[in-house]
PDB file of N, CA and C in Angstrom:
ATOM      1  N   MET A   1      74.825 173.554 120.079  1.00  0.00           N
ATOM      2  CA  MET A   1      74.938 173.630 121.515  1.00  0.00           C
ATOM      3  C   MET A   1      73.635 174.189 122.069  1.00  0.00           C
ATOM      4  N   SER A   2      73.122 173.565 123.095  1.00  0.00           N
ATOM      5  CA  SER A   2      71.842 173.957 123.677  1.00  0.00           C
ATOM      6  C   SER A   2      72.021 174.337 125.145  1.00  0.00           C
ATOM      7  N   GLN A   3      71.289 175.338 125.552  1.00  0.00           N
ATOM      8  CA  GLN A   3      71.303 175.748 126.953  1.00  0.00           C
ATOM      9  C   GLN A   3      69.921 175.582 127.568  1.00  0.00           C
ATOM     10  N   GLN A   4      69.155 174.647 127.046  1.00  0.00           N
ATOM     11  CA  GLN A   4      67.798 174.448 127.527  1.00  0.00           C
ATOM     12  C   GLN A   4      67.772 174.139 129.022  1.00  0.00           C
ATOM     13  N   HIS A   5      68.634 173.260 129.471  1.00  0.00           N
ATOM     14  CA  HIS A   5      68.659 172.903 130.890  1.00  0.00           C
ATOM     15  C   HIS A   5      69.053 174.101 131.748  1.00  0.00           C
ATOM     16  N   TYR A   6      70.026 174.880 131.292  1.00  0.00           N
ATOM     17  CA  TYR A   6      70.456 176.065 132.040  1.00  0.00           C
ATOM     18  C   TYR A   6      69.317 177.091 132.127  1.00  0.00           C
ATOM     19  N   ILE A   7      68.604 177.295 131.030  1.00  0.00           N
ATOM     20  CA  ILE A   7      67.485 178.246 131.020  1.00  0.00           C
ATOM     21  C   ILE A   7      66.384 177.771 131.956  1.00  0.00           C
ATOM     22  N   GLU A   8      66.109 176.490 131.970  1.00  0.00           N
ATOM     23  CA  GLU A   8      65.081 175.962 132.869  1.00  0.00           C
ATOM     24  C   GLU A   8      65.479 176.129 134.335  1.00  0.00           C
ATOM     25  N   ARG A   9      66.757 175.885 134.659  1.00  0.00           N
ATOM     26  CA  ARG A   9      67.223 176.104 136.034  1.00  0.00           C
ATOM     27  C   ARG A   9      67.167 177.576 136.408  1.00  0.00           C
ATOM     28  N   MET A  10      67.531 178.448 135.464  1.00  0.00           N
ATOM     29  CA  MET A  10      67.481 179.887 135.723  1.00  0.00           C
ATOM     30  C   MET A  10      66.029 180.334 135.932  1.00  0.00           C
ATOM     31  N   ALA A  11      65.108 179.808 135.143  1.00  0.00           N
ATOM     32  CA  ALA A  11      63.693 180.143 135.310  1.00  0.00           C
ATOM     33  C   ALA A  11      63.187 179.687 136.675  1.00  0.00           C
ATOM     34  N   MET A  12      63.626 178.527 137.118  1.00  0.00           N
ATOM     35  CA  MET A  12      63.227 178.039 138.432  1.00  0.00           C
ATOM     36  C   MET A  12      63.795 178.943 139.524  1.00  0.00           C
ATOM     37  N   ARG A  13      65.035 179.374 139.356  1.00  0.00           N
ATOM     38  CA  ARG A  13      65.683 180.234 140.347  1.00  0.00           C
ATOM     39  C   ARG A  13      64.966 181.570 140.498  1.00  0.00           C
ATOM     40  N   PHE A  14      64.474 182.119 139.393  1.00  0.00           N
ATOM     41  CA  PHE A  14      63.819 183.426 139.423  1.00  0.00           C
ATOM     42  C   PHE A  14      62.299 183.321 139.332  1.00  0.00           C
ATOM     43  N   ASN A  15      61.766 182.165 139.697  1.00  0.00           N
ATOM     44  CA  ASN A  15      60.327 181.934 139.854  1.00  0.00           C
ATOM     45  C   ASN A  15      59.509 182.134 138.586  1.00  0.00           C
ATOM     46  N   ILE A  16      59.988 181.586 137.490  1.00  0.00           N
ATOM     47  CA  ILE A  16      59.206 181.566 136.261  1.00  0.00           C
ATOM     48  C   ILE A  16      58.872 180.105 135.993  1.00  0.00           C
ATOM     49  N   ASP A  17      57.587 179.822 135.826  1.00  0.00           N
ATOM     50  CA  ASP A  17      57.189 178.443 135.570  1.00  0.00           C
ATOM     51  C   ASP A  17      56.405 178.353 134.266  1.00  0.00           C
ATOM     52  N   SER A  18      55.891 177.186 133.990  1.00  0.00           N
ATOM     53  CA  SER A  18      55.188 176.978 132.725  1.00  0.00           C
ATOM     54  C   SER A  18      53.892 177.778 132.639  1.00  0.00           C
ATOM     55  N   ASP A  19      53.399 178.283 133.768  1.00  0.00           N
ATOM     56  CA  ASP A  19      52.190 179.103 133.762  1.00  0.00           C
ATOM     57  C   ASP A  19      52.474 180.569 133.446  1.00  0.00           C
ATOM     58  N   ALA A  20      53.732 180.942 133.369  1.00  0.00           N
ATOM     59  CA  ALA A  20      54.093 182.330 133.080  1.00  0.00           C
ATOM     60  C   ALA A  20      53.639 182.703 131.668  1.00  0.00           C
ATOM     61  N   LYS A  21      53.263 183.929 131.512  1.00  0.00           N
ATOM     62  CA  LYS A  21      52.797 184.403 130.213  1.00  0.00           C
ATOM     63  C   LYS A  21      53.945 184.322 129.197  1.00  0.00           C
ATOM     64  N   PRO A  22      53.743 183.603 128.101  1.00  0.00           N
ATOM     65  CA  PRO A  22      54.807 183.534 127.091  1.00  0.00           C
ATOM     66  C   PRO A  22      54.954 184.860 126.354  1.00  0.00           C
ATOM     67  N   VAL A  23      56.165 185.200 126.010  1.00  0.00           N
ATOM     68  CA  VAL A  23      56.424 186.414 125.244  1.00  0.00           C
ATOM     69  C   VAL A  23      57.137 186.031 123.955  1.00  0.00           C
ATOM     70  N   ARG A  24      56.913 186.793 122.906  1.00  0.00           N
ATOM     71  CA  ARG A  24      57.470 186.479 121.594  1.00  0.00           C
ATOM     72  C   ARG A  24      58.665 187.339 121.221  1.00  0.00           C
ATOM     73  N   THR A  25      58.953 188.375 122.004  1.00  0.00           N
ATOM     74  CA  THR A  25      60.115 189.230 121.755  1.00  0.00           C
ATOM     75  C   THR A  25      60.846 189.451 123.074  1.00  0.00           C
ATOM     76  N   PRO A  26      62.177 189.593 123.036  1.00  0.00           N
ATOM     77  CA  PRO A  26      62.909 189.788 124.281  1.00  0.00           C
ATOM     78  C   PRO A  26      62.746 191.184 124.886  1.00  0.00           C
ATOM     79  N   ALA A  27      62.305 192.151 124.113  1.00  0.00           N
ATOM     80  CA  ALA A  27      62.120 193.518 124.622  1.00  0.00           C
ATOM     81  C   ALA A  27      60.890 194.132 123.965  1.00  0.00           C
ATOM     82  N   LEU A  28      60.337 195.124 124.627  1.00  0.00           N
ATOM     83  CA  LEU A  28      59.196 195.833 124.061  1.00  0.00           C
ATOM     84  C   LEU A  28      59.661 196.824 123.009  1.00  0.00           C
ATOM     85  N   HIS A  29      58.982 196.857 121.891  1.00  0.00           N
ATOM     86  CA  HIS A  29      59.338 197.781 120.816  1.00  0.00           C
ATOM     87  C   HIS A  29      59.017 199.214 121.238  1.00  0.00           C
ATOM     88  N   GLY A  30      59.963 200.104 121.075  1.00  0.00           N
ATOM     89  CA  GLY A  30      59.768 201.513 121.373  1.00  0.00           C
ATOM     90  C   GLY A  30      59.905 201.881 122.839  1.00  0.00           C
ATOM     91  N   LYS A  31      60.164 200.928 123.708  1.00  0.00           N
ATOM     92  CA  LYS A  31      60.307 201.209 125.140  1.00  0.00           C
ATOM     93  C   LYS A  31      61.786 201.336 125.465  1.00  0.00           C
ATOM     94  N   MET A  32      62.192 202.531 125.873  1.00  0.00           N
ATOM     95  CA  MET A  32      63.605 202.779 126.191  1.00  0.00           C
ATOM     96  C   MET A  32      63.802 202.784 127.704  1.00  0.00           C
ATOM     97  N   LEU A  33      64.851 202.173 128.135  1.00  0.00           N
ATOM     98  CA  LEU A  33      65.218 202.202 129.551  1.00  0.00           C
ATOM     99  C   LEU A  33      66.000 203.479 129.829  1.00  0.00           C
ATOM    100  N   VAL A  34      65.734 204.102 130.957  1.00  0.00           N
ATOM    101  CA  VAL A  34      66.440 205.318 131.364  1.00  0.00           C
ATOM    102  C   VAL A  34      66.982 205.118 132.774  1.00  0.00           C
ATOM    103  N   SER A  35      67.929 205.928 133.160  1.00  0.00           N
ATOM    104  CA  SER A  35      68.524 205.834 134.490  1.00  0.00           C
ATOM    105  C   SER A  35      67.480 206.062 135.569  1.00  0.00           C
ATOM    106  N   ALA A  36      67.646 205.369 136.670  1.00  0.00           N
ATOM    107  CA  ALA A  36      66.701 205.452 137.778  1.00  0.00           C
ATOM    108  C   ALA A  36      67.070 206.587 138.724  1.00  0.00           C
ATOM    109  N   SER A  37      66.065 207.110 139.396  1.00  0.00           N
ATOM    110  CA  SER A  37      66.311 208.129 140.419  1.00  0.00           C
ATOM    111  C   SER A  37      66.747 207.433 141.707  1.00  0.00           C
ATOM    112  N   ASP A  38      67.268 208.204 142.655  1.00  0.00           N
ATOM    113  CA  ASP A  38      67.747 207.636 143.914  1.00  0.00           C
ATOM    114  C   ASP A  38      66.621 206.977 144.702  1.00  0.00           C
ATOM    115  N   VAL A  39      65.428 207.550 144.648  1.00  0.00           N
ATOM    116  CA  VAL A  39      64.283 206.981 145.369  1.00  0.00           C
ATOM    117  C   VAL A  39      63.924 205.620 144.771  1.00  0.00           C
ATOM    118  N   ASP A  40      63.888 205.534 143.442  1.00  0.00           N
ATOM    119  CA  ASP A  40      63.556 204.274 142.780  1.00  0.00           C
ATOM    120  C   ASP A  40      64.622 203.215 143.021  1.00  0.00           C
ATOM    121  N   LYS A  41      65.888 203.639 143.038  1.00  0.00           N
ATOM    122  CA  LYS A  41      66.978 202.692 143.294  1.00  0.00           C
ATOM    123  C   LYS A  41      66.855 202.099 144.685  1.00  0.00           C
ATOM    124  N   ALA A  42      66.534 202.908 145.655  1.00  0.00           N
ATOM    125  CA  ALA A  42      66.405 202.422 147.028  1.00  0.00           C
ATOM    126  C   ALA A  42      65.240 201.445 147.157  1.00  0.00           C
ATOM    127  N   ALA A  43      64.153 201.702 146.456  1.00  0.00           N
ATOM    128  CA  ALA A  43      62.991 200.820 146.517  1.00  0.00           C
ATOM    129  C   ALA A  43      63.276 199.462 145.884  1.00  0.00           C
ATOM    130  N   ALA A  44      64.144 199.421 144.892  1.00  0.00           N
ATOM    131  CA  ALA A  44      64.432 198.186 144.170  1.00  0.00           C
ATOM    132  C   ALA A  44      65.714 197.496 144.635  1.00  0.00           C
ATOM    133  N   ALA A  45      66.312 197.968 145.690  1.00  0.00           N
ATOM    134  CA  ALA A  45      67.620 197.463 146.126  1.00  0.00           C
ATOM    135  C   ALA A  45      67.607 195.973 146.473  1.00  0.00           C
ATOM    136  N   LYS A  46      66.481 195.435 146.886  1.00  0.00           N
ATOM    137  CA  LYS A  46      66.426 194.033 147.297  1.00  0.00           C
ATOM    138  C   LYS A  46      66.162 193.076 146.138  1.00  0.00           C
ATOM    139  N   LEU A  47      65.908 193.596 144.958  1.00  0.00           N
ATOM    140  CA  LEU A  47      65.679 192.736 143.798  1.00  0.00           C
ATOM    141  C   LEU A  47      67.008 192.161 143.306  1.00  0.00           C
ATOM    142  N   PRO A  48      67.022 190.918 142.832  1.00  0.00           N
ATOM    143  CA  PRO A  48      68.276 190.275 142.407  1.00  0.00           C
ATOM    144  C   PRO A  48      68.667 190.619 140.963  1.00  0.00           C
ATOM    145  N   TYR A  49      68.646 191.901 140.631  1.00  0.00           N
ATOM    146  CA  TYR A  49      68.953 192.326 139.257  1.00  0.00           C
ATOM    147  C   TYR A  49      70.366 191.955 138.806  1.00  0.00           C
ATOM    148  N   PRO A  50      71.405 192.197 139.601  1.00  0.00           N
ATOM    149  CA  PRO A  50      72.756 191.825 139.142  1.00  0.00           C
ATOM    150  C   PRO A  50      72.900 190.323 138.890  1.00  0.00           C
ATOM    151  N   ALA A  51      72.315 189.504 139.744  1.00  0.00           N
ATOM    152  CA  ALA A  51      72.391 188.050 139.557  1.00  0.00           C
ATOM    153  C   ALA A  51      71.643 187.626 138.297  1.00  0.00           C
ATOM    154  N   LEU A  52      70.472 188.193 138.089  1.00  0.00           N
ATOM    155  CA  LEU A  52      69.685 187.873 136.896  1.00  0.00           C
ATOM    156  C   LEU A  52      70.422 188.283 135.631  1.00  0.00           C
ATOM    157  N   LEU A  53      70.993 189.455 135.644  1.00  0.00           N
ATOM    158  CA  LEU A  53      71.712 189.936 134.462  1.00  0.00           C
ATOM    159  C   LEU A  53      72.952 189.094 134.189  1.00  0.00           C
ATOM    160  N   GLY A  54      73.643 188.666 135.217  1.00  0.00           N
ATOM    161  CA  GLY A  54      74.794 187.793 135.024  1.00  0.00           C
ATOM    162  C   GLY A  54      74.403 186.479 134.359  1.00  0.00           C
ATOM    163  N   CYS A  55      73.291 185.913 134.777  1.00  0.00           N
ATOM    164  CA  CYS A  55      72.796 184.687 134.154  1.00  0.00           C
ATOM    165  C   CYS A  55      72.414 184.927 132.696  1.00  0.00           C
ATOM    166  N   LEU A  56      71.788 186.054 132.426  1.00  0.00           N
ATOM    167  CA  LEU A  56      71.387 186.369 131.052  1.00  0.00           C
ATOM    168  C   LEU A  56      72.599 186.589 130.148  1.00  0.00           C
ATOM    169  N   ILE A  57      73.617 187.236 130.670  1.00  0.00           N
ATOM    170  CA  ILE A  57      74.830 187.465 129.872  1.00  0.00           C
ATOM    171  C   ILE A  57      75.460 186.135 129.481  1.00  0.00           C
ATOM    172  N   TYR A  58      75.437 185.176 130.386  1.00  0.00           N
ATOM    173  CA  TYR A  58      75.966 183.851 130.061  1.00  0.00           C
ATOM    174  C   TYR A  58      75.165 183.211 128.922  1.00  0.00           C
ATOM    175  N   CYS A  59      73.862 183.409 128.908  1.00  0.00           N
ATOM    176  CA  CYS A  59      73.011 182.857 127.839  1.00  0.00           C
ATOM    177  C   CYS A  59      73.277 183.524 126.490  1.00  0.00           C
ATOM    178  N   ALA A  60      73.719 184.742 126.505  1.00  0.00           N
ATOM    179  CA  ALA A  60      73.922 185.479 125.251  1.00  0.00           C
ATOM    180  C   ALA A  60      75.014 184.860 124.393  1.00  0.00           C
ATOM    181  N   LYS A  61      75.854 184.024 124.974  1.00  0.00           N
ATOM    182  CA  LYS A  61      76.922 183.388 124.191  1.00  0.00           C
ATOM    183  C   LYS A  61      76.370 182.480 123.107  1.00  0.00           C
ATOM    184  N   THR A  62      75.259 181.816 123.393  1.00  0.00           N
ATOM    185  CA  THR A  62      74.675 180.901 122.416  1.00  0.00           C
ATOM    186  C   THR A  62      73.337 181.377 121.877  1.00  0.00           C
ATOM    187  N   ARG A  63      72.833 182.498 122.371  1.00  0.00           N
ATOM    188  CA  ARG A  63      71.544 183.019 121.920  1.00  0.00           C
ATOM    189  C   ARG A  63      71.709 184.463 121.445  1.00  0.00           C
ATOM    190  N   PRO A  64      72.187 184.664 120.221  1.00  0.00           N
ATOM    191  CA  PRO A  64      72.389 186.033 119.737  1.00  0.00           C
ATOM    192  C   PRO A  64      71.093 186.822 119.560  1.00  0.00           C
ATOM    193  N   ASP A  65      69.949 186.152 119.577  1.00  0.00           N
ATOM    194  CA  ASP A  65      68.675 186.858 119.445  1.00  0.00           C
ATOM    195  C   ASP A  65      68.355 187.722 120.659  1.00  0.00           C
ATOM    196  N   VAL A  66      68.999 187.465 121.784  1.00  0.00           N
ATOM    197  CA  VAL A  66      68.752 188.264 122.987  1.00  0.00           C
ATOM    198  C   VAL A  66      69.920 189.178 123.335  1.00  0.00           C
ATOM    199  N   ALA A  67      70.967 189.157 122.555  1.00  0.00           N
ATOM    200  CA  ALA A  67      72.187 189.898 122.890  1.00  0.00           C
ATOM    201  C   ALA A  67      71.936 191.397 123.017  1.00  0.00           C
ATOM    202  N   TYR A  68      71.188 191.987 122.102  1.00  0.00           N
ATOM    203  CA  TYR A  68      70.963 193.431 122.183  1.00  0.00           C
ATOM    204  C   TYR A  68      70.120 193.796 123.401  1.00  0.00           C
ATOM    205  N   ALA A  69      69.069 193.039 123.663  1.00  0.00           N
ATOM    206  CA  ALA A  69      68.207 193.333 124.811  1.00  0.00           C
ATOM    207  C   ALA A  69      68.990 193.220 126.121  1.00  0.00           C
ATOM    208  N   ILE A  70      69.866 192.221 126.210  1.00  0.00           N
ATOM    209  CA  ILE A  70      70.681 192.055 127.421  1.00  0.00           C
ATOM    210  C   ILE A  70      71.681 193.190 127.565  1.00  0.00           C
ATOM    211  N   SER A  71      72.323 193.579 126.460  1.00  0.00           N
ATOM    212  CA  SER A  71      73.300 194.665 126.554  1.00  0.00           C
ATOM    213  C   SER A  71      72.612 195.982 126.901  1.00  0.00           C
ATOM    214  N   ASP A  72      71.395 196.172 126.435  1.00  0.00           N
ATOM    215  CA  ASP A  72      70.651 197.388 126.773  1.00  0.00           C
ATOM    216  C   ASP A  72      70.343 197.418 128.266  1.00  0.00           C
ATOM    217  N   ALA A  73      69.947 196.277 128.829  1.00  0.00           N
ATOM    218  CA  ALA A  73      69.671 196.213 130.267  1.00  0.00           C
ATOM    219  C   ALA A  73      70.951 196.342 131.087  1.00  0.00           C
ATOM    220  N   ALA A  74      72.059 195.812 130.575  1.00  0.00           N
ATOM    221  CA  ALA A  74      73.325 195.839 131.310  1.00  0.00           C
ATOM    222  C   ALA A  74      73.931 197.237 131.390  1.00  0.00           C
ATOM    223  N   ARG A  75      73.528 198.137 130.523  1.00  0.00           N
ATOM    224  CA  ARG A  75      74.059 199.508 130.578  1.00  0.00           C
ATOM    225  C   ARG A  75      73.720 200.203 131.882  1.00  0.00           C
ATOM    226  N   PHE A  76      72.697 199.727 132.575  1.00  0.00           N
ATOM    227  CA  PHE A  76      72.217 200.405 133.774  1.00  0.00           C
ATOM    228  C   PHE A  76      72.564 199.651 135.059  1.00  0.00           C
ATOM    229  N   MET A  77      73.653 198.908 135.049  1.00  0.00           N
ATOM    230  CA  MET A  77      74.037 198.158 136.247  1.00  0.00           C
ATOM    231  C   MET A  77      74.316 199.067 137.443  1.00  0.00           C
ATOM    232  N   GLY A  78      74.724 200.281 137.211  1.00  0.00           N
ATOM    233  CA  GLY A  78      75.002 201.197 138.309  1.00  0.00           C
ATOM    234  C   GLY A  78      73.825 202.048 138.716  1.00  0.00           C
ATOM    235  N   CYS A  79      72.762 202.023 137.928  1.00  0.00           N
ATOM    236  CA  CYS A  79      71.635 202.925 138.184  1.00  0.00           C
ATOM    237  C   CYS A  79      70.342 202.270 137.690  1.00  0.00           C
ATOM    238  N   TRP A  80      69.890 201.248 138.403  1.00  0.00           N
ATOM    239  CA  TRP A  80      68.716 200.499 137.961  1.00  0.00           C
ATOM    240  C   TRP A  80      67.605 200.557 138.995  1.00  0.00           C
ATOM    241  N   ASP A  81      66.395 200.226 138.541  1.00  0.00           N
ATOM    242  CA  ASP A  81      65.234 200.164 139.422  1.00  0.00           C
ATOM    243  C   ASP A  81      64.350 198.992 139.000  1.00  0.00           C
ATOM    244  N   SER A  82      63.121 198.966 139.475  1.00  0.00           N
ATOM    245  CA  SER A  82      62.239 197.838 139.184  1.00  0.00           C
ATOM    246  C   SER A  82      61.866 197.753 137.711  1.00  0.00           C
ATOM    247  N   GLU A  83      61.862 198.873 136.996  1.00  0.00           N
ATOM    248  CA  GLU A  83      61.580 198.851 135.562  1.00  0.00           C
ATOM    249  C   GLU A  83      62.663 198.068 134.812  1.00  0.00           C
ATOM    250  N   HIS A  84      63.903 198.243 135.203  1.00  0.00           N
ATOM    251  CA  HIS A  84      65.006 197.505 134.596  1.00  0.00           C
ATOM    252  C   HIS A  84      64.912 196.017 134.947  1.00  0.00           C
ATOM    253  N   PHE A  85      64.546 195.724 136.186  1.00  0.00           N
ATOM    254  CA  PHE A  85      64.374 194.338 136.599  1.00  0.00           C
ATOM    255  C   PHE A  85      63.265 193.672 135.798  1.00  0.00           C
ATOM    256  N   ASN A  86      62.165 194.383 135.582  1.00  0.00           N
ATOM    257  CA  ASN A  86      61.066 193.833 134.794  1.00  0.00           C
ATOM    258  C   ASN A  86      61.493 193.583 133.352  1.00  0.00           C
ATOM    259  N   ALA A  87      62.320 194.462 132.796  1.00  0.00           N
ATOM    260  CA  ALA A  87      62.826 194.269 131.433  1.00  0.00           C
ATOM    261  C   ALA A  87      63.696 193.013 131.371  1.00  0.00           C
ATOM    262  N   ALA A  88      64.530 192.790 132.380  1.00  0.00           N
ATOM    263  CA  ALA A  88      65.376 191.597 132.422  1.00  0.00           C
ATOM    264  C   ALA A  88      64.527 190.338 132.609  1.00  0.00           C
ATOM    265  N   MET A  89      63.477 190.434 133.405  1.00  0.00           N
ATOM    266  CA  MET A  89      62.574 189.291 133.575  1.00  0.00           C
ATOM    267  C   MET A  89      61.847 188.966 132.270  1.00  0.00           C
ATOM    268  N   ARG A  90      61.540 189.977 131.480  1.00  0.00           N
ATOM    269  CA  ARG A  90      60.922 189.728 130.177  1.00  0.00           C
ATOM    270  C   ARG A  90      61.876 188.942 129.273  1.00  0.00           C
ATOM    271  N   ILE A  91      63.153 189.296 129.318  1.00  0.00           N
ATOM    272  CA  ILE A  91      64.145 188.558 128.530  1.00  0.00           C
ATOM    273  C   ILE A  91      64.179 187.102 128.984  1.00  0.00           C
ATOM    274  N   LEU A  92      64.144 186.881 130.289  1.00  0.00           N
ATOM    275  CA  LEU A  92      64.137 185.514 130.809  1.00  0.00           C
ATOM    276  C   LEU A  92      62.868 184.776 130.390  1.00  0.00           C
ATOM    277  N   ARG A  93      61.717 185.431 130.435  1.00  0.00           N
ATOM    278  CA  ARG A  93      60.481 184.790 129.980  1.00  0.00           C
ATOM    279  C   ARG A  93      60.562 184.440 128.494  1.00  0.00           C
ATOM    280  N   TYR A  94      61.189 185.306 127.700  1.00  0.00           N
ATOM    281  CA  TYR A  94      61.391 185.020 126.277  1.00  0.00           C
ATOM    282  C   TYR A  94      62.294 183.794 126.104  1.00  0.00           C
ATOM    283  N   LEU A  95      63.383 183.750 126.851  1.00  0.00           N
ATOM    284  CA  LEU A  95      64.275 182.598 126.778  1.00  0.00           C
ATOM    285  C   LEU A  95      63.553 181.320 127.185  1.00  0.00           C
ATOM    286  N   TYR A  96      62.731 181.417 128.219  1.00  0.00           N
ATOM    287  CA  TYR A  96      61.994 180.244 128.678  1.00  0.00           C
ATOM    288  C   TYR A  96      60.969 179.801 127.635  1.00  0.00           C
ATOM    289  N   THR A  97      60.322 180.768 126.989  1.00  0.00           N
ATOM    290  CA  THR A  97      59.353 180.451 125.950  1.00  0.00           C
ATOM    291  C   THR A  97      60.014 179.774 124.754  1.00  0.00           C
ATOM    292  N   THR A  98      61.227 180.198 124.419  1.00  0.00           N
ATOM    293  CA  THR A  98      61.919 179.693 123.230  1.00  0.00           C
ATOM    294  C   THR A  98      63.081 178.773 123.587  1.00  0.00           C
ATOM    295  N   ARG A  99      63.039 178.133 124.716  1.00  0.00           N
ATOM    296  CA  ARG A  99      64.175 177.328 125.192  1.00  0.00           C
ATOM    297  C   ARG A  99      64.438 176.101 124.339  1.00  0.00           C
ATOM    298  N   GLU A 100      63.462 175.631 123.610  1.00  0.00           N
ATOM    299  CA  GLU A 100      63.659 174.439 122.786  1.00  0.00           C
ATOM    300  C   GLU A 100      64.035 174.836 121.389  1.00  0.00           C
TER     301      GLU A 100
END
């Protein structure tokens, strides 16, 4: 089962194209996500983090290589900021790089 078309549509939705820097891992080694402060949460409130994470969770059904990175990002659904959004975008860039 392939989700190549779904990943390509998701990349288009979140503005990732073929010119995006390819990544070889879904998460950075040794980089831990921590809860965001109230100031950081307010600054990142307009980012589509919940929508992006929902799309990524759907991909995890057929892509177990990203399951841990997605679950790590999903732990902070109640307390996230732009750092968490960037981590989720990295997962999407990884999926886009390895979509075939």
